Amino acid sequence: MIDLRSDTVTRPSVAMLEFMMKASVGDMVFGEDPAVNELEMMAADMFGMDGAIYCPSGTMTNQIAVKAHTRPGDEVICSRMAHIYQFEGGGVAFNSGASVALIDSKDGTFTAEDVQQHINNPEDWHKAYTRLVEVENTVNRGAGSCWDFQEMKRIRELCDSRHLGYHLDGARLFNAMAADGRKPAEYGAVFDTISICLSKGLGAPVGSLLIGKKEIIRQGMRIRKVFGGAMRQAGYIAAAGIYALKNNVSRLPDDHRNAAALAEALRESSLTESVNYGGTNIVIFSLKPGMTAAEYLEKIKPHGILALKTGERSIRMVTHLDVSDGQIKKACEVLATL
């Protein structure tokens, strides 16, 4: 099957599995797992930040960050498309007792002026305290769109002037860096906390990292424990993250090239109404009236192609390291002629 449902469907390569099996492990809770410690130090050094904590998922790293930055009754500014709002089970409210101020935009990005308009007056006791600004790069629901780096820096300046925390959901941040040419340390200099996912484009089977300033990471370790994310001999899966950071970052442009080819093929199809491609590894397209997403998915399945329904007439396709150039060529030939 040509599985384009998500870049989370990847499986460890033989080389990654061999690397995992050779990992030195210990009790992570005691701070004695060498592979976990190496992974956390590697990520922190890469981004030029004080520390990192290893967690089972990106949802957990995001939720730890929100809780560390806020108190119950506070408010978080984010996009209406944001993963922390759309796909984390209401965790901002459930875990942190915080509300959200949502910014609408076409691709999930916004400006410092947008943020300014959503910051509550701290002297108005009718309003929640604004405590945190959150951005997502790349934007999942924005078809893998990338933020303008200078705009993120302008939001940083605003956060500093208003004493707000600044968190980056970087589930696909390495895709963004492959597109914009920025280095991890450049992002580390802008944000208080960054979440990166190892099990998407980087191909690890599980795991995410929360990277940040010393005080946030100290709080985050306690919150991880409360959330149930303190693991034991986690070094075997942490080793997959080490392998991914060392070996799978440089190949991400291949996924972008393949996604661009899919977008072009979909534009040629008579069934396609519009195609949204943000320049990385995600394509979201809508179908013309008369064809539902469910019907379309059944139509391409006999050709060995899997995709994800995102609406009544919208579908997402995501490229990754388990889809070869040859498979993409085959998929494009099928999709263009539907």
C-alpha atoms as a PDB file:
ATOM      1  CA  MET A   1       0.000   0.000   0.000  1.00  0.00           C
ATOM      2  CA  ILE A   2       1.018   3.602  -0.660  1.00  0.00           C
ATOM      3  CA  ASP A   3       0.071   4.913   2.767  1.00  0.00           C
ATOM      4  CA  LEU A   4      -0.349   8.688   2.595  1.00  0.00           C
ATOM      5  CA  ARG A   5      -2.636   9.018   5.622  1.00  0.00           C
ATOM      6  CA  SER A   6       0.093  10.484   7.827  1.00  0.00           C
ATOM      7  CA  ASP A   7       3.834  10.607   8.433  1.00  0.00           C
ATOM      8  CA  THR A   8       3.091   8.846  11.729  1.00  0.00           C
ATOM      9  CA  VAL A   9       2.654   5.492   9.965  1.00  0.00           C
ATOM     10  CA  THR A  10       6.382   5.012   9.385  1.00  0.00           C
ATOM     11  CA  ARG A  11       8.144   1.951  10.760  1.00  0.00           C
ATOM     12  CA  PRO A  12      11.744   1.732  11.996  1.00  0.00           C
ATOM     13  CA  SER A  13      14.274   0.794   9.357  1.00  0.00           C
ATOM     14  CA  VAL A  14      16.543  -2.196   9.876  1.00  0.00           C
ATOM     15  CA  ALA A  15      19.405   0.166  10.741  1.00  0.00           C
ATOM     16  CA  MET A  16      17.262   2.015  13.283  1.00  0.00           C
ATOM     17  CA  LEU A  17      16.127  -1.253  14.886  1.00  0.00           C
ATOM     18  CA  GLU A  18      19.727  -2.436  15.183  1.00  0.00           C
ATOM     19  CA  PHE A  19      20.687   0.867  16.789  1.00  0.00           C
ATOM     20  CA  MET A  20      17.775   0.583  19.245  1.00  0.00           C
ATOM     21  CA  MET A  21      18.740  -2.932  20.296  1.00  0.00           C
ATOM     22  CA  LYS A  22      22.273  -1.806  21.117  1.00  0.00           C
ATOM     23  CA  ALA A  23      21.092   0.985  23.438  1.00  0.00           C
ATOM     24  CA  SER A  24      22.399   1.211  26.978  1.00  0.00           C
ATOM     25  CA  VAL A  25      19.416   1.606  29.297  1.00  0.00           C
ATOM     26  CA  GLY A  26      18.616   2.296  32.929  1.00  0.00           C
ATOM     27  CA  ASP A  27      15.837   3.683  35.074  1.00  0.00           C
ATOM     28  CA  MET A  28      14.733   6.948  33.453  1.00  0.00           C
ATOM     29  CA  VAL A  29      12.948   8.136  36.615  1.00  0.00           C
ATOM     30  CA  PHE A  30      16.220   7.886  38.533  1.00  0.00           C
ATOM     31  CA  GLY A  31      17.938   9.783  35.721  1.00  0.00           C
ATOM     32  CA  GLU A  32      19.976   6.679  34.947  1.00  0.00           C
ATOM     33  CA  ASP A  33      19.001   5.862  31.365  1.00  0.00           C
ATOM     34  CA  PRO A  34      22.039   6.741  29.216  1.00  0.00           C
ATOM     35  CA  ALA A  35      20.137   6.810  25.916  1.00  0.00           C
ATOM     36  CA  VAL A  36      17.395   9.090  27.269  1.00  0.00           C
ATOM     37  CA  ASN A  37      20.006  11.412  28.788  1.00  0.00           C
ATOM     38  CA  GLU A  38      21.938  11.497  25.515  1.00  0.00           C
ATOM     39  CA  LEU A  39      18.819  12.265  23.489  1.00  0.00           C
ATOM     40  CA  GLU A  40      17.736  15.064  25.817  1.00  0.00           C
ATOM     41  CA  MET A  41      21.217  16.610  25.847  1.00  0.00           C
ATOM     42  CA  MET A  42      21.535  16.280  22.080  1.00  0.00           C
ATOM     43  CA  ALA A  43      18.250  18.105  21.491  1.00  0.00           C
ATOM     44  CA  ALA A  44      18.964  20.849  24.018  1.00  0.00           C
ATOM     45  CA  ASP A  45      22.418  21.466  22.531  1.00  0.00           C
ATOM     46  CA  MET A  46      21.019  21.439  19.009  1.00  0.00           C
ATOM     47  CA  PHE A  47      18.555  24.215  19.829  1.00  0.00           C
ATOM     48  CA  GLY A  48      20.892  26.087  22.162  1.00  0.00           C
ATOM     49  CA  MET A  49      18.483  25.721  25.081  1.00  0.00           C
ATOM     50  CA  ASP A  50      18.977  24.718  28.711  1.00  0.00           C
ATOM     51  CA  GLY A  51      17.393  21.283  28.729  1.00  0.00           C
ATOM     52  CA  ALA A  52      14.886  18.832  27.306  1.00  0.00           C
ATOM     53  CA  ILE A  53      12.499  16.195  28.581  1.00  0.00           C
ATOM     54  CA  TYR A  54      11.588  13.047  26.675  1.00  0.00           C
ATOM     55  CA  CYS A  55       7.891  12.133  26.504  1.00  0.00           C
ATOM     56  CA  PRO A  56       5.737   9.511  24.761  1.00  0.00           C
ATOM     57  CA  SER A  57       3.929  11.995  22.509  1.00  0.00           C
ATOM     58  CA  GLY A  58       3.789  15.499  21.107  1.00  0.00           C
ATOM     59  CA  THR A  59       0.425  15.989  22.758  1.00  0.00           C
ATOM     60  CA  MET A  60       2.099  15.417  26.125  1.00  0.00           C
ATOM     61  CA  THR A  61       4.978  17.816  25.404  1.00  0.00           C
ATOM     62  CA  ASN A  62       2.541  20.502  24.276  1.00  0.00           C
ATOM     63  CA  GLN A  63       0.295  19.993  27.279  1.00  0.00           C
ATOM     64  CA  ILE A  64       3.243  20.089  29.681  1.00  0.00           C
ATOM     65  CA  ALA A  65       4.329  23.373  28.124  1.00  0.00           C
ATOM     66  CA  VAL A  66       0.856  24.911  28.430  1.00  0.00           C
ATOM     67  CA  LYS A  67       0.574  23.874  32.066  1.00  0.00           C
ATOM     68  CA  ALA A  68       4.077  25.120  32.906  1.00  0.00           C
ATOM     69  CA  HIS A  69       3.348  28.518  31.371  1.00  0.00           C
ATOM     70  CA  THR A  70      -0.130  29.069  32.824  1.00  0.00           C
ATOM     71  CA  ARG A  71      -2.283  28.898  35.924  1.00  0.00           C
ATOM     72  CA  PRO A  72      -5.970  27.915  36.086  1.00  0.00           C
ATOM     73  CA  GLY A  73      -8.107  30.723  34.706  1.00  0.00           C
ATOM     74  CA  ASP A  74      -5.399  32.057  32.372  1.00  0.00           C
ATOM     75  CA  GLU A  75      -5.743  32.344  28.593  1.00  0.00           C
ATOM     76  CA  VAL A  76      -3.650  31.048  25.690  1.00  0.00           C
ATOM     77  CA  ILE A  77      -3.520  32.823  22.327  1.00  0.00           C
ATOM     78  CA  CYS A  78      -3.285  30.437  19.368  1.00  0.00           C
ATOM     79  CA  SER A  79      -4.648  29.774  15.894  1.00  0.00           C
ATOM     80  CA  ARG A  80      -8.078  28.224  15.481  1.00  0.00           C
ATOM     81  CA  MET A  81      -6.215  25.574  13.457  1.00  0.00           C
ATOM     82  CA  ALA A  82      -3.749  24.850  16.278  1.00  0.00           C
ATOM     83  CA  HIS A  83      -3.140  21.248  17.218  1.00  0.00           C
ATOM     84  CA  ILE A  84      -3.393  22.126  20.917  1.00  0.00           C
ATOM     85  CA  TYR A  85      -6.950  23.327  20.256  1.00  0.00           C
ATOM     86  CA  GLN A  86      -8.145  20.943  17.531  1.00  0.00           C
ATOM     87  CA  PHE A  87      -6.532  17.605  18.317  1.00  0.00           C
ATOM     88  CA  GLU A  88      -5.521  17.335  21.966  1.00  0.00           C
ATOM     89  CA  GLY A  89      -8.841  16.378  23.517  1.00  0.00           C
ATOM     90  CA  GLY A  90      -9.554  19.740  25.108  1.00  0.00           C
ATOM     91  CA  GLY A  91      -6.338  19.348  27.086  1.00  0.00           C
ATOM     92  CA  VAL A  92      -5.748  23.082  27.539  1.00  0.00           C
ATOM     93  CA  ALA A  93      -8.947  23.238  29.595  1.00  0.00           C
ATOM     94  CA  PHE A  94      -8.772  19.746  31.119  1.00  0.00           C
ATOM     95  CA  ASN A  95      -5.118  19.739  32.153  1.00  0.00           C
ATOM     96  CA  SER A  96      -4.408  23.418  32.789  1.00  0.00           C
ATOM     97  CA  GLY A  97      -7.797  24.989  33.479  1.00  0.00           C
ATOM     98  CA  ALA A  98      -6.985  27.599  30.844  1.00  0.00           C
ATOM     99  CA  SER A  99      -9.096  29.092  28.084  1.00  0.00           C
ATOM    100  CA  VAL A 100      -8.057  29.949  24.519  1.00  0.00           C
ATOM    101  CA  ALA A 101      -8.257  33.105  22.427  1.00  0.00           C
ATOM    102  CA  LEU A 102      -8.441  31.934  18.829  1.00  0.00           C
ATOM    103  CA  ILE A 103      -7.013  33.747  15.813  1.00  0.00           C
ATOM    104  CA  ASP A 104      -8.546  32.994  12.427  1.00  0.00           C
ATOM    105  CA  SER A 105      -6.421  32.861   9.285  1.00  0.00           C
ATOM    106  CA  LYS A 106      -6.303  30.970   6.020  1.00  0.00           C
ATOM    107  CA  ASP A 107      -3.162  28.944   6.750  1.00  0.00           C
ATOM    108  CA  GLY A 108      -2.888  28.945  10.549  1.00  0.00           C
ATOM    109  CA  THR A 109      -0.242  31.660  10.779  1.00  0.00           C
ATOM    110  CA  PHE A 110      -0.836  35.143  12.168  1.00  0.00           C
ATOM    111  CA  THR A 111       0.938  38.416  12.913  1.00  0.00           C
ATOM    112  CA  ALA A 112       2.144  40.305  15.964  1.00  0.00           C
ATOM    113  CA  GLU A 113      -0.724  42.729  15.350  1.00  0.00           C
ATOM    114  CA  ASP A 114      -3.173  39.829  15.550  1.00  0.00           C
ATOM    115  CA  VAL A 115      -1.663  38.818  18.877  1.00  0.00           C
ATOM    116  CA  GLN A 116      -1.806  42.374  20.175  1.00  0.00           C
ATOM    117  CA  GLN A 117      -5.541  42.513  19.489  1.00  0.00           C
ATOM    118  CA  HIS A 118      -6.110  39.357  21.563  1.00  0.00           C
ATOM    119  CA  ILE A 119      -4.098  40.292  24.660  1.00  0.00           C
ATOM    120  CA  ASN A 120      -6.459  41.064  27.515  1.00  0.00           C
ATOM    121  CA  ASN A 121      -6.020  44.107  29.735  1.00  0.00           C
ATOM    122  CA  PRO A 122      -4.625  42.681  33.005  1.00  0.00           C
ATOM    123  CA  GLU A 123      -6.366  45.469  34.912  1.00  0.00           C
ATOM    124  CA  ASP A 124      -9.789  44.392  33.618  1.00  0.00           C
ATOM    125  CA  TRP A 125     -10.991  41.881  36.190  1.00  0.00           C
ATOM    126  CA  HIS A 126     -13.715  40.701  33.794  1.00  0.00           C
ATOM    127  CA  LYS A 127     -11.039  39.161  31.566  1.00  0.00           C
ATOM    128  CA  ALA A 128      -8.742  36.175  31.896  1.00  0.00           C
ATOM    129  CA  TYR A 129      -5.035  36.878  32.244  1.00  0.00           C
ATOM    130  CA  THR A 130      -3.272  36.370  28.929  1.00  0.00           C
ATOM    131  CA  ARG A 131      -0.214  34.240  29.745  1.00  0.00           C
ATOM    132  CA  LEU A 132       0.955  32.382  26.654  1.00  0.00           C
ATOM    133  CA  VAL A 133       1.195  32.698  22.884  1.00  0.00           C
ATOM    134  CA  GLU A 134       1.426  29.408  20.973  1.00  0.00           C
ATOM    135  CA  VAL A 135       2.357  28.881  17.329  1.00  0.00           C
ATOM    136  CA  GLU A 136       2.614  25.707  15.245  1.00  0.00           C
ATOM    137  CA  ASN A 137       5.270  25.267  12.573  1.00  0.00           C
ATOM    138  CA  THR A 138       4.553  23.683  10.170  1.00  0.00           C
ATOM    139  CA  VAL A 139       0.777  24.088  10.387  1.00  0.00           C
ATOM    140  CA  ASN A 140      -0.891  20.688  10.045  1.00  0.00           C
ATOM    141  CA  ARG A 141      -4.349  21.973   9.072  1.00  0.00           C
ATOM    142  CA  GLY A 142      -2.670  24.630   6.942  1.00  0.00           C
ATOM    143  CA  ALA A 143      -1.374  21.904   4.595  1.00  0.00           C
ATOM    144  CA  GLY A 144       2.126  22.074   6.016  1.00  0.00           C
ATOM    145  CA  SER A 145       2.440  25.839   5.711  1.00  0.00           C
ATOM    146  CA  CYS A 146       5.531  27.496   7.195  1.00  0.00           C
ATOM    147  CA  TRP A 147       5.717  30.591   9.344  1.00  0.00           C
ATOM    148  CA  ASP A 148       7.625  33.685   8.313  1.00  0.00           C
ATOM    149  CA  PHE A 149      10.581  33.652  10.699  1.00  0.00           C
ATOM    150  CA  GLN A 150      10.726  37.421  11.039  1.00  0.00           C
ATOM    151  CA  GLU A 151       7.061  37.488  12.062  1.00  0.00           C
ATOM    152  CA  MET A 152       7.769  34.944  14.784  1.00  0.00           C
ATOM    153  CA  LYS A 153      10.556  37.220  16.032  1.00  0.00           C
ATOM    154  CA  ARG A 154       8.172  40.177  16.081  1.00  0.00           C
ATOM    155  CA  ILE A 155       5.759  38.143  18.198  1.00  0.00           C
ATOM    156  CA  ARG A 156       8.700  37.325  20.511  1.00  0.00           C
ATOM    157  CA  GLU A 157       9.310  41.037  21.012  1.00  0.00           C
ATOM    158  CA  LEU A 158       5.637  41.567  21.811  1.00  0.00           C
ATOM    159  CA  CYS A 159       5.656  38.676  24.284  1.00  0.00           C
ATOM    160  CA  ASP A 160       8.688  40.172  26.016  1.00  0.00           C
ATOM    161  CA  SER A 161       7.039  43.582  26.288  1.00  0.00           C
ATOM    162  CA  ARG A 162       3.869  42.065  27.754  1.00  0.00           C
ATOM    163  CA  HIS A 163       5.576  39.399  29.903  1.00  0.00           C
ATOM    164  CA  LEU A 164       3.989  36.476  28.028  1.00  0.00           C
ATOM    165  CA  GLY A 165       5.316  32.986  27.516  1.00  0.00           C
ATOM    166  CA  TYR A 166       5.996  31.825  23.951  1.00  0.00           C
ATOM    167  CA  HIS A 167       5.649  28.169  22.923  1.00  0.00           C
ATOM    168  CA  LEU A 168       6.319  26.512  19.570  1.00  0.00           C
ATOM    169  CA  ASP A 169       4.509  23.323  18.631  1.00  0.00           C
ATOM    170  CA  GLY A 170       7.239  22.071  16.334  1.00  0.00           C
ATOM    171  CA  ALA A 171       5.783  18.642  15.601  1.00  0.00           C
ATOM    172  CA  ARG A 172       7.080  19.097  12.047  1.00  0.00           C
ATOM    173  CA  LEU A 173       9.645  21.803  12.776  1.00  0.00           C
ATOM    174  CA  PHE A 174      12.389  19.947  10.926  1.00  0.00           C
ATOM    175  CA  ASN A 175      10.201  20.092   7.822  1.00  0.00           C
ATOM    176  CA  ALA A 176       9.946  23.843   8.300  1.00  0.00           C
ATOM    177  CA  MET A 177      13.710  24.146   8.657  1.00  0.00           C
ATOM    178  CA  ALA A 178      14.227  22.043   5.536  1.00  0.00           C
ATOM    179  CA  ALA A 179      12.048  24.584   3.724  1.00  0.00           C
ATOM    180  CA  ASP A 180      13.311  27.855   5.234  1.00  0.00           C
ATOM    181  CA  GLY A 181      16.988  26.954   5.691  1.00  0.00           C
ATOM    182  CA  ARG A 182      17.036  28.026   9.354  1.00  0.00           C
ATOM    183  CA  LYS A 183      19.093  26.251  12.007  1.00  0.00           C
ATOM    184  CA  PRO A 184      17.643  24.818  15.240  1.00  0.00           C
ATOM    185  CA  ALA A 185      19.547  27.333  17.376  1.00  0.00           C
ATOM    186  CA  GLU A 186      17.809  30.184  15.547  1.00  0.00           C
ATOM    187  CA  TYR A 187      14.463  28.822  16.708  1.00  0.00           C
ATOM    188  CA  GLY A 188      15.814  28.160  20.188  1.00  0.00           C
ATOM    189  CA  ALA A 189      16.737  31.827  20.500  1.00  0.00           C
ATOM    190  CA  VAL A 190      13.135  32.904  19.806  1.00  0.00           C
ATOM    191  CA  PHE A 191      10.992  30.613  21.966  1.00  0.00           C
ATOM    192  CA  ASP A 192      10.719  29.801  25.656  1.00  0.00           C
ATOM    193  CA  THR A 193       9.693  26.223  24.895  1.00  0.00           C
ATOM    194  CA  ILE A 194       9.698  24.067  21.776  1.00  0.00           C
ATOM    195  CA  SER A 195       8.044  20.689  21.248  1.00  0.00           C
ATOM    196  CA  ILE A 196       9.529  18.472  18.550  1.00  0.00           C
ATOM    197  CA  CYS A 197       8.131  15.145  17.393  1.00  0.00           C
ATOM    198  CA  LEU A 198      10.441  12.273  16.521  1.00  0.00           C
ATOM    199  CA  SER A 199       7.755   9.920  15.187  1.00  0.00           C
ATOM    200  CA  LYS A 200       6.558  11.937  12.187  1.00  0.00           C
ATOM    201  CA  GLY A 201       8.911  12.935   9.386  1.00  0.00           C
ATOM    202  CA  LEU A 202      11.952  11.713  11.307  1.00  0.00           C
ATOM    203  CA  GLY A 203      10.648   8.151  11.370  1.00  0.00           C
ATOM    204  CA  ALA A 204      11.092   7.096  15.000  1.00  0.00           C
ATOM    205  CA  PRO A 205       8.379   4.728  16.251  1.00  0.00           C
ATOM    206  CA  VAL A 206       7.461   6.845  19.289  1.00  0.00           C
ATOM    207  CA  GLY A 207       8.497   9.899  21.273  1.00  0.00           C
ATOM    208  CA  SER A 208       8.662  13.676  21.452  1.00  0.00           C
ATOM    209  CA  LEU A 209      10.838  16.203  23.261  1.00  0.00           C
ATOM    210  CA  LEU A 210      10.019  19.391  25.116  1.00  0.00           C
ATOM    211  CA  ILE A 211      13.016  21.714  24.915  1.00  0.00           C
ATOM    212  CA  GLY A 212      13.244  24.906  26.883  1.00  0.00           C
ATOM    213  CA  LYS A 213      14.659  27.195  29.489  1.00  0.00           C
ATOM    214  CA  LYS A 214      15.865  25.750  32.771  1.00  0.00           C
ATOM    215  CA  GLU A 215      12.936  26.757  34.971  1.00  0.00           C
ATOM    216  CA  ILE A 216      10.330  25.512  32.503  1.00  0.00           C
ATOM    217  CA  ILE A 217      12.102  22.174  32.106  1.00  0.00           C
ATOM    218  CA  ARG A 218      12.323  21.812  35.899  1.00  0.00           C
ATOM    219  CA  GLN A 219       8.577  22.371  36.170  1.00  0.00           C
ATOM    220  CA  GLY A 220       7.994  20.159  33.151  1.00  0.00           C
ATOM    221  CA  MET A 221       9.617  17.132  34.779  1.00  0.00           C
ATOM    222  CA  ARG A 222       7.164  17.344  37.663  1.00  0.00           C
ATOM    223  CA  ILE A 223       4.218  17.839  35.298  1.00  0.00           C
ATOM    224  CA  ARG A 224       5.337  14.865  33.186  1.00  0.00           C
ATOM    225  CA  LYS A 225       5.208  12.744  36.332  1.00  0.00           C
ATOM    226  CA  VAL A 226       1.697  13.992  37.154  1.00  0.00           C
ATOM    227  CA  PHE A 227       0.582  13.245  33.592  1.00  0.00           C
ATOM    228  CA  GLY A 228       1.899   9.683  33.948  1.00  0.00           C
ATOM    229  CA  GLY A 229       4.739  10.084  31.474  1.00  0.00           C
ATOM    230  CA  ALA A 230       7.650   9.061  33.692  1.00  0.00           C
ATOM    231  CA  MET A 231       8.946   5.935  31.962  1.00  0.00           C
ATOM    232  CA  ARG A 232      11.544   3.403  33.094  1.00  0.00           C
ATOM    233  CA  GLN A 233      13.956   1.731  30.640  1.00  0.00           C
ATOM    234  CA  ALA A 234      12.915   4.054  27.837  1.00  0.00           C
ATOM    235  CA  GLY A 235      16.353   4.054  26.253  1.00  0.00           C
ATOM    236  CA  TYR A 236      15.380   1.563  23.572  1.00  0.00           C
ATOM    237  CA  ILE A 237      12.843   3.977  22.086  1.00  0.00           C
ATOM    238  CA  ALA A 238      14.970   7.030  22.905  1.00  0.00           C
ATOM    239  CA  ALA A 239      17.736   5.446  20.828  1.00  0.00           C
ATOM    240  CA  ALA A 240      15.400   5.571  17.833  1.00  0.00           C
ATOM    241  CA  GLY A 241      15.156   9.319  18.380  1.00  0.00           C
ATOM    242  CA  ILE A 242      18.940   9.638  18.471  1.00  0.00           C
ATOM    243  CA  TYR A 243      19.186   7.687  15.222  1.00  0.00           C
ATOM    244  CA  ALA A 244      16.461   9.819  13.640  1.00  0.00           C
ATOM    245  CA  LEU A 245      18.148  13.111  14.517  1.00  0.00           C
ATOM    246  CA  LYS A 246      21.467  11.859  13.183  1.00  0.00           C
ATOM    247  CA  ASN A 247      20.233  10.215   9.990  1.00  0.00           C
ATOM    248  CA  ASN A 248      16.755  11.277   8.881  1.00  0.00           C
ATOM    249  CA  VAL A 249      16.788  15.077   8.890  1.00  0.00           C
ATOM    250  CA  SER A 250      18.760  15.610   5.677  1.00  0.00           C
ATOM    251  CA  ARG A 251      16.319  13.526   3.602  1.00  0.00           C
ATOM    252  CA  LEU A 252      13.213  15.625   4.394  1.00  0.00           C
ATOM    253  CA  PRO A 253      13.441  17.619   1.124  1.00  0.00           C
ATOM    254  CA  ASP A 254      12.672  14.319  -0.652  1.00  0.00           C
ATOM    255  CA  ASP A 255       9.277  14.268   1.073  1.00  0.00           C
ATOM    256  CA  HIS A 256       8.644  17.865   0.074  1.00  0.00           C
ATOM    257  CA  ARG A 257       9.443  17.128  -3.546  1.00  0.00           C
ATOM    258  CA  ASN A 258       7.081  14.153  -3.499  1.00  0.00           C
ATOM    259  CA  ALA A 259       4.287  16.172  -1.915  1.00  0.00           C
ATOM    260  CA  ALA A 260       4.680  18.848  -4.569  1.00  0.00           C
ATOM    261  CA  ALA A 261       4.310  16.150  -7.238  1.00  0.00           C
ATOM    262  CA  LEU A 262       1.113  14.890  -5.585  1.00  0.00           C
ATOM    263  CA  ALA A 263      -0.272  18.428  -5.468  1.00  0.00           C
ATOM    264  CA  GLU A 264       0.401  18.891  -9.175  1.00  0.00           C
ATOM    265  CA  ALA A 265      -1.237  15.560 -10.060  1.00  0.00           C
ATOM    266  CA  LEU A 266      -4.308  16.411  -7.988  1.00  0.00           C
ATOM    267  CA  ARG A 267      -4.681  19.733  -9.805  1.00  0.00           C
ATOM    268  CA  GLU A 268      -4.957  17.764 -13.069  1.00  0.00           C
ATOM    269  CA  SER A 269      -7.789  15.570 -11.784  1.00  0.00           C
ATOM    270  CA  SER A 270     -11.320  16.351 -12.924  1.00  0.00           C
ATOM    271  CA  LEU A 271     -12.600  15.457  -9.443  1.00  0.00           C
ATOM    272  CA  THR A 272     -10.527  18.049  -7.602  1.00  0.00           C
ATOM    273  CA  GLU A 273     -12.009  21.427  -6.725  1.00  0.00           C
ATOM    274  CA  SER A 274      -8.977  22.982  -4.998  1.00  0.00           C
ATOM    275  CA  VAL A 275      -5.531  21.960  -3.761  1.00  0.00           C
ATOM    276  CA  ASN A 276      -3.785  23.448  -0.730  1.00  0.00           C
ATOM    277  CA  TYR A 277      -0.060  22.757  -0.528  1.00  0.00           C
ATOM    278  CA  GLY A 278       2.061  24.650   2.008  1.00  0.00           C
ATOM    279  CA  GLY A 279       5.459  23.743   0.587  1.00  0.00           C
ATOM    280  CA  THR A 280       6.455  20.861   2.854  1.00  0.00           C
ATOM    281  CA  ASN A 281       5.086  17.304   3.114  1.00  0.00           C
ATOM    282  CA  ILE A 282       1.313  17.815   3.464  1.00  0.00           C
ATOM    283  CA  VAL A 283      -1.324  18.263   0.761  1.00  0.00           C
ATOM    284  CA  ILE A 284      -4.977  18.964   1.572  1.00  0.00           C
ATOM    285  CA  PHE A 285      -7.468  19.025  -1.284  1.00  0.00           C
ATOM    286  CA  SER A 286     -11.196  19.405  -1.704  1.00  0.00           C
ATOM    287  CA  LEU A 287     -13.447  17.546  -4.128  1.00  0.00           C
ATOM    288  CA  LYS A 288     -16.035  18.944  -6.472  1.00  0.00           C
ATOM    289  CA  PRO A 289     -19.705  18.577  -5.444  1.00  0.00           C
ATOM    290  CA  GLY A 290     -21.013  15.131  -6.240  1.00  0.00           C
ATOM    291  CA  MET A 291     -18.046  13.232  -4.804  1.00  0.00           C
ATOM    292  CA  THR A 292     -17.608  12.752  -1.054  1.00  0.00           C
ATOM    293  CA  ALA A 293     -14.302  12.124   0.655  1.00  0.00           C
ATOM    294  CA  ALA A 294     -15.455   8.673   1.733  1.00  0.00           C
ATOM    295  CA  GLU A 295     -16.334   7.763  -1.857  1.00  0.00           C
ATOM    296  CA  TYR A 296     -12.996   9.085  -3.124  1.00  0.00           C
ATOM    297  CA  LEU A 297     -11.036   7.057  -0.579  1.00  0.00           C
ATOM    298  CA  GLU A 298     -12.855   3.906  -1.699  1.00  0.00           C
ATOM    299  CA  LYS A 299     -12.091   4.834  -5.310  1.00  0.00           C
ATOM    300  CA  ILE A 300      -8.309   5.043  -4.768  1.00  0.00           C
ATOM    301  CA  LYS A 301      -8.014   2.077  -2.392  1.00  0.00           C
ATOM    302  CA  PRO A 302      -8.039  -0.581  -5.169  1.00  0.00           C
ATOM    303  CA  HIS A 303      -5.021   1.257  -6.603  1.00  0.00           C
ATOM    304  CA  GLY A 304      -3.190   0.666  -3.321  1.00  0.00           C
ATOM    305  CA  ILE A 305      -3.441   4.293  -2.147  1.00  0.00           C
ATOM    306  CA  LEU A 306      -4.502   5.298   1.358  1.00  0.00           C
ATOM    307  CA  ALA A 307      -5.322   8.872   2.416  1.00  0.00           C
ATOM    308  CA  LEU A 308      -7.136  10.592   5.282  1.00  0.00           C
ATOM    309  CA  LYS A 309     -10.589  12.179   5.287  1.00  0.00           C
ATOM    310  CA  THR A 310     -10.494  15.637   6.891  1.00  0.00           C
ATOM    311  CA  GLY A 311     -14.009  16.790   6.012  1.00  0.00           C
ATOM    312  CA  GLU A 312     -17.084  15.818   4.034  1.00  0.00           C
ATOM    313  CA  ARG A 313     -15.296  16.675   0.772  1.00  0.00           C
ATOM    314  CA  SER A 314     -11.692  17.223   1.917  1.00  0.00           C
ATOM    315  CA  ILE A 315      -8.753  14.810   2.087  1.00  0.00           C
ATOM    316  CA  ARG A 316      -5.176  14.982   3.377  1.00  0.00           C
ATOM    317  CA  MET A 317      -2.113  13.257   1.947  1.00  0.00           C
ATOM    318  CA  VAL A 318       1.254  13.249   3.707  1.00  0.00           C
ATOM    319  CA  THR A 319       4.583  12.063   2.313  1.00  0.00           C
ATOM    320  CA  HIS A 320       7.248  10.382   4.431  1.00  0.00           C
ATOM    321  CA  LEU A 321      10.306   8.137   4.353  1.00  0.00           C
ATOM    322  CA  ASP A 322       8.261   4.930   3.925  1.00  0.00           C
ATOM    323  CA  VAL A 323       6.870   6.111   0.571  1.00  0.00           C
ATOM    324  CA  SER A 324       9.367   5.788  -2.253  1.00  0.00           C
ATOM    325  CA  ASP A 325       9.792   7.956  -5.322  1.00  0.00           C
ATOM    326  CA  GLY A 326       8.461   5.063  -7.404  1.00  0.00           C
ATOM    327  CA  GLN A 327       5.324   4.803  -5.307  1.00  0.00           C
ATOM    328  CA  ILE A 328       4.755   8.544  -5.594  1.00  0.00           C
ATOM    329  CA  LYS A 329       5.107   8.307  -9.371  1.00  0.00           C
ATOM    330  CA  LYS A 330       2.509   5.548  -9.440  1.00  0.00           C
ATOM    331  CA  ALA A 331       0.168   7.494  -7.157  1.00  0.00           C
ATOM    332  CA  CYS A 332       0.494  10.611  -9.316  1.00  0.00           C
ATOM    333  CA  GLU A 333      -0.389   8.651 -12.453  1.00  0.00           C
ATOM    334  CA  VAL A 334      -3.543   7.353 -10.783  1.00  0.00           C
ATOM    335  CA  LEU A 335      -4.636  10.611  -9.139  1.00  0.00           C
ATOM    336  CA  ALA A 336      -4.142  12.772 -12.229  1.00  0.00           C
ATOM    337  CA  THR A 337      -6.459  10.603 -14.319  1.00  0.00           C
ATOM    338  CA  LEU A 338      -9.365  10.271 -11.850  1.00  0.00           C
END
